[in-house]
Amino acid sequence: MTKSLLTKTSTLAVKLPENVELPSANQKIRAQKQIIKTMIQLLRSQSVELRYAGWKPADADYFRDNDYDGTIVVTINVIESSGKICDFETSADKLLKRFKMELLYNSEHIVIDSIRQSKVRKHRLIEIYTVSRHCPKKAEPAYIFPPSATRYHSRA
């Protein structure tokens, strides 16, 4: 189960600029919405440093040795079944646009805020999970009723 979930999750990891501060997502829904809005604005302006783009690795370390104390890295994880977003051979600005659209047009997000501490530095990792807005196939009804069953139904 875990392996199939990892192979169907597209991940974009970006480092935020030093001047951007985000509220703690563990507190309230309002803070989580603020994080989503800030990420959409940063992806739109392309003022982030791209760290990773690809299928979600099982155990990834998105931080580097030269990162300053308090570095914030945000991963956007899109769970999908169609593979439409995962053309990682495209340019960085197209990738940023695709992930921005997934955040923008999807109303359900899970935000996980955590602190990663090494011997000398403390970093913040924010993980955003969402389901892809692309439907792999046309929705089909679960039950099909014959026309005669719904034609003359009266309330008596």
N, C-alpha and C. Protein backbone atom coordinates (compact mmCIF):
# COMPACT_ATOMS: atom_id res chain seq x y z
N MET A 1 0.84 -1.20 0.00
CA MET A 1 0.00 0.00 0.00
C MET A 1 0.87 1.25 0.00
N THR A 2 1.88 1.27 0.89
CA THR A 2 2.74 2.44 0.97
C THR A 2 3.49 2.66 -0.34
N LYS A 3 3.99 1.57 -0.92
CA LYS A 3 4.74 1.71 -2.17
C LYS A 3 3.86 2.26 -3.29
N SER A 4 2.62 1.78 -3.39
CA SER A 4 1.74 2.28 -4.45
C SER A 4 1.38 3.74 -4.23
N LEU A 5 1.24 4.16 -2.97
CA LEU A 5 0.95 5.56 -2.68
C LEU A 5 2.13 6.45 -3.06
N LEU A 6 3.35 5.98 -2.80
CA LEU A 6 4.53 6.77 -3.13
C LEU A 6 4.71 6.91 -4.63
N THR A 7 4.37 5.89 -5.39
CA THR A 7 4.55 5.99 -6.84
C THR A 7 3.45 6.78 -7.51
N LYS A 8 2.41 7.15 -6.78
CA LYS A 8 1.34 7.95 -7.36
C LYS A 8 1.30 9.35 -6.77
N THR A 9 2.34 9.75 -6.09
CA THR A 9 2.38 11.07 -5.47
C THR A 9 3.48 11.91 -6.11
N SER A 10 3.09 12.99 -6.75
CA SER A 10 4.05 13.93 -7.33
C SER A 10 4.45 14.92 -6.25
N THR A 11 5.74 15.19 -6.14
CA THR A 11 6.22 16.07 -5.08
C THR A 11 7.05 17.20 -5.66
N LEU A 12 6.80 18.38 -5.16
CA LEU A 12 7.60 19.56 -5.47
C LEU A 12 8.07 20.12 -4.14
N ALA A 13 9.38 20.21 -3.95
CA ALA A 13 9.94 20.78 -2.73
C ALA A 13 10.62 22.09 -3.07
N VAL A 14 10.27 23.14 -2.35
CA VAL A 14 10.84 24.46 -2.58
C VAL A 14 11.30 25.06 -1.26
N LYS A 15 12.37 25.84 -1.33
CA LYS A 15 12.86 26.58 -0.17
C LYS A 15 12.32 28.00 -0.27
N LEU A 16 11.76 28.47 0.82
CA LEU A 16 11.19 29.81 0.83
C LEU A 16 12.28 30.86 1.03
N PRO A 17 12.07 32.06 0.54
CA PRO A 17 13.04 33.14 0.78
C PRO A 17 13.13 33.46 2.28
N GLU A 18 14.25 34.06 2.68
CA GLU A 18 14.48 34.35 4.10
C GLU A 18 13.47 35.33 4.67
N ASN A 19 12.95 36.23 3.86
CA ASN A 19 12.06 37.27 4.38
C ASN A 19 10.60 36.80 4.51
N VAL A 20 10.30 35.56 4.17
CA VAL A 20 8.93 35.05 4.28
C VAL A 20 8.77 34.32 5.61
N GLU A 21 7.76 34.72 6.35
CA GLU A 21 7.43 34.04 7.60
C GLU A 21 6.03 33.49 7.50
N LEU A 22 5.86 32.27 7.96
CA LEU A 22 4.56 31.62 7.91
C LEU A 22 4.10 31.28 9.32
N PRO A 23 2.80 31.38 9.59
CA PRO A 23 2.31 30.99 10.91
C PRO A 23 2.39 29.48 11.09
N SER A 24 2.34 29.03 12.32
CA SER A 24 2.36 27.60 12.60
C SER A 24 1.05 26.98 12.14
N ALA A 25 1.14 25.96 11.32
CA ALA A 25 -0.07 25.35 10.76
C ALA A 25 -0.79 24.46 11.76
N ASN A 26 -0.14 24.14 12.86
CA ASN A 26 -0.75 23.25 13.83
C ASN A 26 -1.80 23.94 14.69
N GLN A 27 -1.91 25.23 14.57
CA GLN A 27 -2.80 25.98 15.46
C GLN A 27 -4.24 26.00 14.96
N LYS A 28 -4.49 26.63 13.84
CA LYS A 28 -5.87 26.85 13.40
C LYS A 28 -5.99 26.68 11.90
N ILE A 29 -7.22 26.53 11.47
CA ILE A 29 -7.51 26.42 10.03
C ILE A 29 -7.13 27.71 9.33
N ARG A 30 -7.32 28.83 9.98
CA ARG A 30 -6.98 30.12 9.38
C ARG A 30 -5.49 30.17 9.03
N ALA A 31 -4.64 29.63 9.90
CA ALA A 31 -3.20 29.61 9.63
C ALA A 31 -2.89 28.70 8.44
N GLN A 32 -3.59 27.58 8.34
CA GLN A 32 -3.37 26.68 7.21
C GLN A 32 -3.77 27.35 5.89
N LYS A 33 -4.87 28.08 5.90
CA LYS A 33 -5.29 28.79 4.69
C LYS A 33 -4.29 29.88 4.33
N GLN A 34 -3.71 30.53 5.35
CA GLN A 34 -2.70 31.55 5.09
C GLN A 34 -1.46 30.94 4.44
N ILE A 35 -1.08 29.75 4.88
CA ILE A 35 0.07 29.06 4.28
C ILE A 35 -0.22 28.73 2.82
N ILE A 36 -1.41 28.23 2.52
CA ILE A 36 -1.78 27.91 1.14
C ILE A 36 -1.77 29.16 0.27
N LYS A 37 -2.35 30.25 0.76
CA LYS A 37 -2.38 31.50 -0.01
C LYS A 37 -0.97 32.03 -0.26
N THR A 38 -0.12 31.97 0.76
CA THR A 38 1.26 32.44 0.60
C THR A 38 1.99 31.59 -0.43
N MET A 39 1.79 30.28 -0.39
CA MET A 39 2.46 29.41 -1.35
C MET A 39 1.99 29.69 -2.78
N ILE A 40 0.71 29.94 -2.96
CA ILE A 40 0.20 30.27 -4.30
C ILE A 40 0.85 31.56 -4.81
N GLN A 41 0.97 32.57 -3.94
CA GLN A 41 1.61 33.83 -4.34
C GLN A 41 3.08 33.63 -4.67
N LEU A 42 3.79 32.84 -3.85
CA LEU A 42 5.22 32.61 -4.10
C LEU A 42 5.45 31.81 -5.38
N LEU A 43 4.60 30.82 -5.63
CA LEU A 43 4.73 30.05 -6.87
C LEU A 43 4.38 30.90 -8.08
N ARG A 44 3.42 31.79 -7.93
CA ARG A 44 3.04 32.69 -9.03
C ARG A 44 4.19 33.63 -9.37
N SER A 45 4.85 34.16 -8.35
CA SER A 45 5.95 35.10 -8.59
C SER A 45 7.28 34.39 -8.85
N GLN A 46 7.30 33.07 -8.68
CA GLN A 46 8.49 32.25 -8.88
C GLN A 46 9.67 32.73 -8.04
N SER A 47 9.39 33.12 -6.81
CA SER A 47 10.45 33.61 -5.93
C SER A 47 10.86 32.55 -4.91
N VAL A 48 10.85 31.29 -5.32
CA VAL A 48 11.25 30.19 -4.45
C VAL A 48 12.44 29.47 -5.09
N GLU A 49 13.18 28.76 -4.26
CA GLU A 49 14.31 27.97 -4.76
C GLU A 49 13.84 26.52 -4.90
N LEU A 50 13.89 25.99 -6.11
CA LEU A 50 13.45 24.63 -6.38
C LEU A 50 14.45 23.64 -5.79
N ARG A 51 13.97 22.73 -4.93
CA ARG A 51 14.84 21.74 -4.31
C ARG A 51 14.66 20.35 -4.91
N TYR A 52 13.42 19.98 -5.22
CA TYR A 52 13.16 18.64 -5.73
C TYR A 52 11.85 18.64 -6.50
N ALA A 53 11.80 17.90 -7.58
CA ALA A 53 10.56 17.67 -8.32
C ALA A 53 10.60 16.25 -8.84
N GLY A 54 9.61 15.47 -8.49
CA GLY A 54 9.56 14.07 -8.92
C GLY A 54 8.58 13.28 -8.10
N TRP A 55 8.66 11.96 -8.25
CA TRP A 55 7.82 11.10 -7.43
C TRP A 55 8.27 11.20 -5.99
N LYS A 56 7.36 11.09 -5.07
CA LYS A 56 7.69 11.26 -3.64
C LYS A 56 8.65 10.16 -3.19
N PRO A 57 9.83 10.55 -2.72
CA PRO A 57 10.77 9.55 -2.21
C PRO A 57 10.33 9.07 -0.83
N ALA A 58 10.71 7.85 -0.48
CA ALA A 58 10.30 7.28 0.81
C ALA A 58 10.89 8.06 1.98
N ASP A 59 12.16 8.36 1.90
CA ASP A 59 12.80 9.13 2.99
C ASP A 59 13.69 10.19 2.36
N ALA A 60 13.18 11.38 2.31
CA ALA A 60 13.90 12.47 1.64
C ALA A 60 14.36 13.50 2.66
N ASP A 61 15.53 14.04 2.42
CA ASP A 61 16.02 15.15 3.22
C ASP A 61 16.19 16.33 2.27
N TYR A 62 15.31 17.30 2.39
CA TYR A 62 15.29 18.43 1.47
C TYR A 62 16.20 19.56 1.93
N PHE A 63 16.85 19.40 3.07
CA PHE A 63 17.71 20.45 3.60
C PHE A 63 19.16 20.19 3.20
N ARG A 64 19.91 21.27 3.05
CA ARG A 64 21.32 21.16 2.66
C ARG A 64 22.20 21.66 3.79
N ASP A 65 23.47 21.34 3.71
CA ASP A 65 24.41 21.71 4.78
C ASP A 65 24.59 23.21 4.90
N ASN A 66 24.46 23.94 3.81
CA ASN A 66 24.69 25.39 3.86
C ASN A 66 23.42 26.18 4.15
N ASP A 67 22.32 25.53 4.48
CA ASP A 67 21.09 26.24 4.84
C ASP A 67 21.26 26.94 6.18
N TYR A 68 20.72 28.15 6.25
CA TYR A 68 20.79 28.91 7.50
C TYR A 68 19.82 28.31 8.52
N ASP A 69 20.01 28.68 9.77
CA ASP A 69 19.14 28.22 10.84
C ASP A 69 17.75 28.83 10.64
N GLY A 70 16.72 28.01 10.66
CA GLY A 70 15.37 28.50 10.46
C GLY A 70 14.89 28.43 9.02
N THR A 71 15.59 27.71 8.18
CA THR A 71 15.18 27.54 6.79
C THR A 71 13.81 26.86 6.73
N ILE A 72 12.95 27.37 5.86
CA ILE A 72 11.63 26.77 5.67
C ILE A 72 11.58 26.13 4.29
N VAL A 73 11.30 24.83 4.28
CA VAL A 73 11.11 24.11 3.02
C VAL A 73 9.67 23.61 3.00
N VAL A 74 8.99 23.85 1.89
CA VAL A 74 7.60 23.42 1.72
C VAL A 74 7.56 22.37 0.62
N THR A 75 6.91 21.24 0.90
CA THR A 75 6.69 20.24 -0.13
C THR A 75 5.21 20.23 -0.47
N ILE A 76 4.93 20.22 -1.75
CA ILE A 76 3.56 20.11 -2.24
C ILE A 76 3.44 18.72 -2.84
N ASN A 77 2.59 17.90 -2.25
CA ASN A 77 2.43 16.51 -2.65
C ASN A 77 1.04 16.33 -3.26
N VAL A 78 1.00 15.97 -4.53
CA VAL A 78 -0.26 15.80 -5.24
C VAL A 78 -0.45 14.31 -5.50
N ILE A 79 -1.49 13.76 -4.89
CA ILE A 79 -1.81 12.35 -5.08
C ILE A 79 -2.67 12.24 -6.33
N GLU A 80 -2.22 11.41 -7.27
CA GLU A 80 -2.92 11.33 -8.55
C GLU A 80 -2.90 9.92 -9.08
N SER A 81 -3.75 9.67 -10.03
CA SER A 81 -3.78 8.36 -10.67
C SER A 81 -3.52 8.45 -12.16
N SER A 82 -3.56 9.65 -12.71
CA SER A 82 -3.43 9.79 -14.16
C SER A 82 -2.00 10.06 -14.62
N GLY A 83 -1.15 10.62 -13.76
CA GLY A 83 0.21 10.94 -14.15
C GLY A 83 0.35 12.19 -14.98
N LYS A 84 -0.67 13.04 -15.03
CA LYS A 84 -0.63 14.23 -15.88
C LYS A 84 0.33 15.29 -15.35
N ILE A 85 0.45 15.41 -14.05
CA ILE A 85 1.28 16.48 -13.49
C ILE A 85 2.75 16.08 -13.48
N CYS A 86 3.03 14.81 -13.63
CA CYS A 86 4.38 14.29 -13.41
C CYS A 86 5.28 14.26 -14.62
N ASP A 87 5.15 15.18 -15.52
CA ASP A 87 6.11 15.28 -16.61
C ASP A 87 7.25 16.16 -16.11
N PHE A 88 8.22 15.54 -15.45
CA PHE A 88 9.28 16.30 -14.80
C PHE A 88 10.40 16.70 -15.75
N GLU A 89 10.23 16.44 -17.03
CA GLU A 89 11.21 16.85 -18.03
C GLU A 89 10.95 18.28 -18.52
N THR A 90 9.90 18.91 -18.06
CA THR A 90 9.56 20.26 -18.49
C THR A 90 10.38 21.29 -17.72
N SER A 91 10.23 22.53 -18.08
CA SER A 91 11.00 23.60 -17.43
C SER A 91 10.48 23.85 -16.02
N ALA A 92 11.30 24.53 -15.23
CA ALA A 92 10.96 24.80 -13.83
C ALA A 92 9.74 25.69 -13.71
N ASP A 93 9.61 26.68 -14.59
CA ASP A 93 8.45 27.57 -14.47
C ASP A 93 7.14 26.86 -14.81
N LYS A 94 7.18 25.89 -15.73
CA LYS A 94 5.97 25.12 -16.02
C LYS A 94 5.61 24.22 -14.84
N LEU A 95 6.62 23.63 -14.20
CA LEU A 95 6.36 22.81 -13.02
C LEU A 95 5.75 23.63 -11.90
N LEU A 96 6.32 24.81 -11.65
CA LEU A 96 5.78 25.68 -10.61
C LEU A 96 4.33 26.05 -10.92
N LYS A 97 4.04 26.30 -12.19
CA LYS A 97 2.68 26.66 -12.58
C LYS A 97 1.72 25.49 -12.37
N ARG A 98 2.14 24.28 -12.71
CA ARG A 98 1.28 23.11 -12.53
C ARG A 98 0.93 22.89 -11.06
N PHE A 99 1.94 22.96 -10.20
CA PHE A 99 1.69 22.75 -8.78
C PHE A 99 0.88 23.90 -8.19
N LYS A 100 1.10 25.10 -8.69
CA LYS A 100 0.30 26.25 -8.23
C LYS A 100 -1.16 26.04 -8.58
N MET A 101 -1.43 25.54 -9.78
CA MET A 101 -2.82 25.30 -10.20
C MET A 101 -3.47 24.22 -9.34
N GLU A 102 -2.71 23.22 -8.94
CA GLU A 102 -3.27 22.18 -8.07
C GLU A 102 -3.67 22.76 -6.72
N LEU A 103 -2.86 23.66 -6.18
CA LEU A 103 -3.22 24.31 -4.92
C LEU A 103 -4.39 25.26 -5.09
N LEU A 104 -4.39 25.98 -6.19
CA LEU A 104 -5.38 27.02 -6.42
C LEU A 104 -6.78 26.45 -6.65
N TYR A 105 -6.88 25.39 -7.42
CA TYR A 105 -8.19 24.87 -7.81
C TYR A 105 -8.65 23.68 -6.99
N ASN A 106 -7.98 23.37 -5.91
CA ASN A 106 -8.41 22.29 -5.04
C ASN A 106 -8.69 22.88 -3.67
N SER A 107 -9.84 22.59 -3.11
CA SER A 107 -10.22 23.22 -1.85
C SER A 107 -9.88 22.39 -0.62
N GLU A 108 -9.46 21.16 -0.81
CA GLU A 108 -9.14 20.30 0.33
C GLU A 108 -7.64 20.05 0.37
N HIS A 109 -7.02 20.47 1.47
CA HIS A 109 -5.59 20.29 1.66
C HIS A 109 -5.33 19.75 3.06
N ILE A 110 -4.30 18.97 3.20
CA ILE A 110 -3.81 18.56 4.51
C ILE A 110 -2.45 19.21 4.67
N VAL A 111 -2.27 19.95 5.76
CA VAL A 111 -1.01 20.66 6.00
C VAL A 111 -0.37 20.07 7.25
N ILE A 112 0.87 19.60 7.10
CA ILE A 112 1.63 19.04 8.22
C ILE A 112 2.84 19.92 8.43
N ASP A 113 2.96 20.47 9.63
CA ASP A 113 4.04 21.38 9.97
C ASP A 113 4.94 20.68 10.99
N SER A 114 6.23 20.58 10.68
CA SER A 114 7.14 19.90 11.60
C SER A 114 8.48 20.62 11.66
N ILE A 115 9.20 20.37 12.72
CA ILE A 115 10.53 20.94 12.93
C ILE A 115 11.55 19.81 12.80
N ARG A 116 12.58 20.03 12.01
CA ARG A 116 13.68 19.08 11.86
C ARG A 116 14.91 19.70 12.51
N GLN A 117 15.47 19.00 13.45
CA GLN A 117 16.61 19.57 14.15
C GLN A 117 17.83 18.69 13.96
N SER A 118 18.92 19.32 13.53
CA SER A 118 20.20 18.62 13.44
C SER A 118 21.03 19.04 14.65
N LYS A 119 22.30 18.76 14.61
CA LYS A 119 23.16 19.09 15.76
C LYS A 119 23.26 20.59 16.00
N VAL A 120 23.32 21.36 14.94
CA VAL A 120 23.53 22.80 15.10
C VAL A 120 22.40 23.66 14.55
N ARG A 121 21.54 23.10 13.72
CA ARG A 121 20.51 23.92 13.07
C ARG A 121 19.12 23.34 13.30
N LYS A 122 18.18 24.25 13.20
CA LYS A 122 16.77 23.89 13.35
C LYS A 122 16.05 24.37 12.09
N HIS A 123 15.39 23.45 11.40
CA HIS A 123 14.70 23.77 10.15
C HIS A 123 13.22 23.43 10.28
N ARG A 124 12.43 24.04 9.41
CA ARG A 124 10.98 23.81 9.42
C ARG A 124 10.58 23.19 8.09
N LEU A 125 9.83 22.10 8.17
CA LEU A 125 9.33 21.42 6.98
C LEU A 125 7.80 21.46 7.02
N ILE A 126 7.21 22.03 5.98
CA ILE A 126 5.76 22.09 5.85
C ILE A 126 5.39 21.21 4.66
N GLU A 127 4.54 20.21 4.92
CA GLU A 127 4.10 19.31 3.87
C GLU A 127 2.63 19.59 3.57
N ILE A 128 2.32 19.81 2.31
CA ILE A 128 0.95 20.05 1.88
C ILE A 128 0.55 18.88 0.98
N TYR A 129 -0.53 18.22 1.35
CA TYR A 129 -1.05 17.10 0.57
C TYR A 129 -2.39 17.48 -0.03
N THR A 130 -2.58 17.12 -1.28
CA THR A 130 -3.85 17.36 -1.95
C THR A 130 -4.05 16.28 -3.01
N VAL A 131 -5.28 16.09 -3.41
CA VAL A 131 -5.61 15.12 -4.45
C VAL A 131 -5.69 15.88 -5.77
N SER A 132 -5.20 15.28 -6.82
CA SER A 132 -5.17 15.94 -8.13
C SER A 132 -6.58 16.30 -8.59
N ARG A 133 -6.67 17.43 -9.24
CA ARG A 133 -7.97 17.88 -9.74
C ARG A 133 -8.32 17.23 -11.07
N HIS A 134 -7.39 16.49 -11.66
CA HIS A 134 -7.64 15.80 -12.93
C HIS A 134 -8.33 14.47 -12.66
N CYS A 135 -9.47 14.29 -13.27
CA CYS A 135 -10.21 13.04 -13.13
C CYS A 135 -9.72 12.07 -14.20
N PRO A 136 -9.29 10.87 -13.84
CA PRO A 136 -8.75 9.96 -14.85
C PRO A 136 -9.77 9.46 -15.86
N LYS A 137 -11.03 9.38 -15.47
CA LYS A 137 -12.05 8.93 -16.41
C LYS A 137 -13.38 9.57 -16.05
N LYS A 138 -14.30 9.47 -16.95
CA LYS A 138 -15.62 10.03 -16.72
C LYS A 138 -16.31 9.29 -15.58
N ALA A 139 -16.94 10.03 -14.71
CA ALA A 139 -17.63 9.42 -13.58
C ALA A 139 -18.81 8.59 -14.07
N GLU A 140 -18.94 7.43 -13.49
CA GLU A 140 -20.04 6.55 -13.84
C GLU A 140 -20.90 6.34 -12.61
N PRO A 141 -22.22 6.28 -12.79
CA PRO A 141 -23.07 6.07 -11.63
C PRO A 141 -22.88 4.67 -11.06
N ALA A 142 -23.01 4.57 -9.75
CA ALA A 142 -22.83 3.28 -9.09
C ALA A 142 -24.04 2.38 -9.32
N TYR A 143 -25.22 2.98 -9.42
CA TYR A 143 -26.44 2.20 -9.63
C TYR A 143 -27.14 2.70 -10.89
N ILE A 144 -27.59 1.79 -11.69
CA ILE A 144 -28.34 2.15 -12.90
C ILE A 144 -29.74 1.57 -12.77
N PHE A 145 -30.72 2.45 -12.81
CA PHE A 145 -32.10 2.02 -12.69
C PHE A 145 -32.73 1.96 -14.08
N PRO A 146 -33.57 0.98 -14.31
CA PRO A 146 -34.28 0.95 -15.59
C PRO A 146 -35.29 2.09 -15.65
N PRO A 147 -35.59 2.58 -16.83
CA PRO A 147 -36.52 3.72 -16.95
C PRO A 147 -37.88 3.44 -16.33
N SER A 148 -38.33 2.22 -16.37
CA SER A 148 -39.66 1.91 -15.83
C SER A 148 -39.71 2.04 -14.31
N ALA A 149 -38.60 1.92 -13.64
CA ALA A 149 -38.59 2.00 -12.18
C ALA A 149 -38.77 3.43 -11.69
N THR A 150 -38.39 4.40 -12.47
CA THR A 150 -38.48 5.79 -12.02
C THR A 150 -39.57 6.58 -12.74
N ARG A 151 -40.25 5.95 -13.68
CA ARG A 151 -41.21 6.67 -14.50
C ARG A 151 -42.47 7.06 -13.73
N TYR A 152 -43.16 6.12 -13.18
CA TYR A 152 -44.42 6.41 -12.50
C TYR A 152 -44.32 5.99 -11.04
N HIS A 153 -43.77 6.85 -10.27
CA HIS A 153 -43.69 6.57 -8.84
C HIS A 153 -44.55 7.59 -8.13
N SER A 154 -45.61 7.14 -7.52
CA SER A 154 -46.53 8.08 -6.89
C SER A 154 -46.45 7.98 -5.38
N ARG A 155 -46.80 9.06 -4.75
CA ARG A 155 -46.89 9.08 -3.29
C ARG A 155 -48.34 8.80 -2.92
N ALA A 156 -48.54 7.80 -2.20
CA ALA A 156 -49.92 7.49 -1.83
C ALA A 156 -50.13 7.66 -0.35
